N, C-alpha and C. Protein backbone atom coordinates (compact mmCIF):
# COMPACT_ATOMS: atom_id res chain seq x y z
N MET A 1 8.29 -56.98 22.97
CA MET A 1 7.72 -55.97 23.86
C MET A 1 6.21 -56.18 23.20
N GLN A 2 6.00 -56.94 22.75
CA GLN A 2 4.44 -56.90 22.33
C GLN A 2 3.61 -57.72 23.15
N ILE A 3 4.38 -59.03 24.16
CA ILE A 3 4.07 -59.45 24.77
C ILE A 3 3.79 -58.50 26.28
N CYS A 4 4.89 -57.87 26.24
CA CYS A 4 5.12 -56.79 27.56
C CYS A 4 3.91 -55.95 27.66
N ILE A 5 3.43 -55.67 26.42
CA ILE A 5 2.38 -54.44 26.80
C ILE A 5 1.13 -55.04 27.09
N LYS A 6 0.92 -56.07 26.77
CA LYS A 6 -0.43 -56.64 27.57
C LYS A 6 -0.03 -57.30 29.31
N CYS A 7 0.90 -57.21 29.84
CA CYS A 7 1.33 -57.84 30.76
C CYS A 7 0.85 -56.71 32.20
N PRO A 8 0.53 -57.01 33.04
CA PRO A 8 0.11 -56.56 34.67
C PRO A 8 1.34 -56.30 35.04
N LEU A 9 2.47 -56.63 34.62
CA LEU A 9 3.67 -56.14 35.45
C LEU A 9 4.20 -54.43 34.72
N MET A 10 3.90 -54.61 33.62
CA MET A 10 4.30 -53.45 32.72
C MET A 10 3.83 -51.87 33.34
N ASP A 11 4.79 -51.29 33.48
CA ASP A 11 5.11 -49.71 34.22
C ASP A 11 5.35 -48.74 33.22
N ILE A 12 4.20 -48.16 32.88
CA ILE A 12 4.68 -47.16 31.73
C ILE A 12 5.27 -45.72 32.37
N GLU A 13 4.22 -45.50 33.36
CA GLU A 13 4.74 -44.58 34.21
C GLU A 13 6.42 -44.57 35.06
N GLY A 14 6.92 -45.62 35.48
CA GLY A 14 8.53 -45.59 35.99
C GLY A 14 8.23 -45.68 37.34
N LYS A 15 7.10 -45.92 37.96
CA LYS A 15 7.20 -45.83 39.64
C LYS A 15 7.61 -47.19 39.75
N GLY A 16 7.89 -48.40 39.22
CA GLY A 16 8.02 -49.28 39.67
C GLY A 16 9.59 -49.89 38.89
N CYS A 17 9.93 -48.81 38.46
CA CYS A 17 11.54 -49.14 37.79
C CYS A 17 12.70 -49.21 38.61
N PHE A 18 13.60 -50.15 38.64
CA PHE A 18 14.55 -50.09 39.55
C PHE A 18 15.95 -48.81 39.30
N VAL A 19 15.51 -48.15 38.09
CA VAL A 19 16.14 -47.23 37.27
C VAL A 19 15.46 -46.23 37.20
N PRO A 20 14.92 -45.28 38.16
CA PRO A 20 13.79 -44.05 37.53
C PRO A 20 14.65 -43.37 35.93
N GLY A 21 13.41 -43.45 35.32
CA GLY A 21 13.64 -42.51 34.21
C GLY A 21 13.78 -43.75 33.03
N THR A 22 13.72 -44.65 33.55
CA THR A 22 14.03 -46.06 32.26
C THR A 22 12.87 -46.54 31.98
N GLN A 23 11.79 -45.95 32.54
CA GLN A 23 10.36 -46.73 31.91
C GLN A 23 10.20 -46.39 30.31
N PRO A 24 9.38 -47.56 29.94
CA PRO A 24 8.44 -48.80 30.81
C PRO A 24 9.61 -49.92 31.22
N CYS A 25 8.78 -50.06 32.31
CA CYS A 25 9.64 -51.40 33.10
C CYS A 25 8.85 -52.33 33.53
N CYS A 26 9.39 -53.14 34.05
CA CYS A 26 8.85 -54.51 34.72
C CYS A 26 8.40 -53.99 36.29
N ASP A 27 7.62 -53.63 36.63
CA ASP A 27 7.16 -53.20 37.78
C ASP A 27 7.56 -54.00 38.89
N GLU A 28 8.76 -53.18 39.67
CA GLU A 28 9.44 -54.38 40.87
C GLU A 28 8.44 -54.57 41.99
N LYS A 29 7.79 -53.36 42.41
CA LYS A 29 6.90 -53.45 42.82
C LYS A 29 5.70 -54.26 42.93
N LYS A 30 5.43 -54.69 42.15
CA LYS A 30 4.27 -55.75 41.63
C LYS A 30 5.09 -57.02 41.63
N GLY A 31 6.50 -57.49 41.31
CA GLY A 31 6.89 -58.87 41.86
C GLY A 31 7.67 -59.03 40.16
N GLY A 32 7.96 -58.01 39.45
CA GLY A 32 8.98 -57.88 38.31
C GLY A 32 10.50 -57.78 38.74
N CYS A 33 10.78 -57.55 37.60
CA CYS A 33 12.41 -57.48 37.84
C CYS A 33 12.86 -55.78 38.07
N GLY A 34 12.02 -55.11 37.62
CA GLY A 34 12.30 -53.76 37.31
C GLY A 34 13.17 -53.39 36.48
N CYS A 35 13.61 -54.00 35.73
CA CYS A 35 14.13 -53.87 34.50
C CYS A 35 13.41 -52.71 33.38
N SER A 36 14.14 -52.35 32.66
CA SER A 36 13.52 -51.39 31.55
C SER A 36 13.41 -52.15 30.26
N LEU A 37 12.23 -52.31 29.81
CA LEU A 37 11.96 -53.15 28.97
C LEU A 37 12.46 -52.81 27.59
N GLY A 38 12.92 -51.52 27.22
CA GLY A 38 13.57 -51.38 26.10
C GLY A 38 14.88 -51.80 26.06
N PHE A 39 15.86 -51.95 26.89
CA PHE A 39 16.86 -53.20 26.99
C PHE A 39 16.56 -54.32 27.24
N LYS A 40 15.71 -54.60 28.23
CA LYS A 40 15.88 -56.36 28.55
C LYS A 40 15.06 -56.82 27.40
N THR A 41 13.99 -56.30 26.47
CA THR A 41 13.63 -56.96 25.33
C THR A 41 14.58 -57.11 24.04
N ARG A 42 15.53 -56.57 24.35
CA ARG A 42 16.60 -56.30 23.17
C ARG A 42 17.52 -57.24 23.43
N ALA A 43 17.88 -57.61 25.03
CA ALA A 43 18.89 -58.61 25.04
C ALA A 43 18.83 -59.85 24.90
N LEU A 44 19.10 -60.42 24.48
CA LEU A 44 19.16 -62.06 24.04
C LEU A 44 19.39 -62.99 25.12
N SER A 45 19.66 -62.60 25.92
CA SER A 45 19.77 -63.92 27.39
C SER A 45 19.14 -63.19 28.37
N SER A 46 18.02 -62.01 28.14
CA SER A 46 16.74 -61.96 29.10
C SER A 46 15.67 -63.06 28.92
N GLU A 47 15.07 -63.08 29.96
CA GLU A 47 14.03 -63.64 30.50
C GLU A 47 12.98 -63.00 31.04
N CYS A 48 11.98 -63.17 30.73
CA CYS A 48 10.70 -62.62 31.57
C CYS A 48 10.35 -63.12 32.85
N PRO A 49 10.19 -62.49 33.64
CA PRO A 49 10.30 -63.11 34.99
C PRO A 49 8.89 -63.74 35.63
N LEU A 50 7.69 -63.66 34.49
CA LEU A 50 6.86 -64.96 34.82
C LEU A 50 6.80 -65.49 33.64
N GLY A 51 7.83 -65.84 32.91
CA GLY A 51 8.12 -67.25 32.01
C GLY A 51 7.00 -67.13 30.57
N LYS A 52 7.06 -65.68 30.38
CA LYS A 52 5.83 -65.63 29.14
C LYS A 52 7.04 -65.18 28.30
N TRP A 53 8.52 -65.34 28.09
CA TRP A 53 9.00 -65.19 26.87
C TRP A 53 10.59 -65.96 27.70
N GLU A 54 11.28 -67.00 26.86
CA GLU A 54 12.80 -67.50 27.52
C GLU A 54 13.65 -66.49 26.64
N ALA A 55 14.68 -66.91 27.34
CA ALA A 55 16.08 -65.98 26.88
C ALA A 55 16.69 -67.07 25.18
N GLU A 56 17.20 -66.13 24.34
CA GLU A 56 17.40 -67.15 23.03
C GLU A 56 18.69 -67.72 22.97
N LEU A 57 19.58 -66.96 24.16
CA LEU A 57 21.30 -67.28 24.33
C LEU A 57 21.50 -67.22 25.91
N THR A 58 22.64 -67.61 26.53
CA THR A 58 23.03 -67.83 27.71
C THR A 58 23.65 -66.54 27.78
N GLU A 59 24.40 -65.81 28.80
CA GLU A 59 24.78 -64.51 28.96
C GLU A 59 26.20 -64.74 28.38
N LYS A 60 26.61 -65.92 28.61
CA LYS A 60 28.41 -65.71 27.66
C LYS A 60 28.05 -65.99 26.39
N GLU A 61 27.24 -66.77 26.20
CA GLU A 61 26.68 -66.60 24.25
C GLU A 61 26.67 -65.33 23.72
N GLU A 62 25.52 -64.39 24.09
CA GLU A 62 25.10 -63.40 23.65
C GLU A 62 26.65 -62.55 24.02
N ASP A 63 27.70 -62.67 24.99
CA ASP A 63 28.85 -61.68 25.21
C ASP A 63 29.80 -62.34 23.88
N GLU A 64 29.82 -63.72 23.62
CA GLU A 64 30.33 -63.80 22.81
C GLU A 64 30.49 -63.15 20.89
N LEU A 65 28.70 -63.31 20.77
CA LEU A 65 28.60 -63.08 19.91
C LEU A 65 28.59 -60.99 19.83
N LYS A 66 28.42 -60.78 20.84
CA LYS A 66 28.39 -58.95 20.80
C LYS A 66 29.98 -59.15 20.03
N GLN A 67 30.93 -59.86 20.84
CA GLN A 67 32.98 -59.89 20.61
C GLN A 67 33.02 -60.16 19.25
N LYS A 68 32.09 -60.96 18.21
CA LYS A 68 32.32 -61.62 17.55
C LYS A 68 31.74 -59.96 16.29
N LEU A 69 30.57 -59.78 16.59
CA LEU A 69 30.09 -58.82 15.89
C LEU A 69 30.93 -56.95 16.52
N GLY A 70 31.68 -57.14 17.14
CA GLY A 70 32.39 -56.08 17.56
C GLY A 70 31.54 -54.45 18.05
N ILE A 71 30.39 -55.48 18.82
CA ILE A 71 29.86 -54.66 19.60
C ILE A 71 29.55 -54.59 20.91
C-alpha cells in the first residue's frame, strides 16, 4: 500500500473504482484496474497494473495456501 499511496492511479474518492464505495482504488478511468487497494494489496496473487510490485504467488498457489490455513 505504501507504493500505491505515491501512485498517480490511486483514487481516494472512489470515482474510478470498479465497485463504488471500495476506495481507495486503482483508478480505472486513468488506466488502472479499478480494484479496491485494501483488497488488492492483501492478495498474494495480485500485481500492480503498472508493474510497481509483483504477485508473490499464483492464484492456484494462493488458493492452496488458503485451503491449508482454513480461510
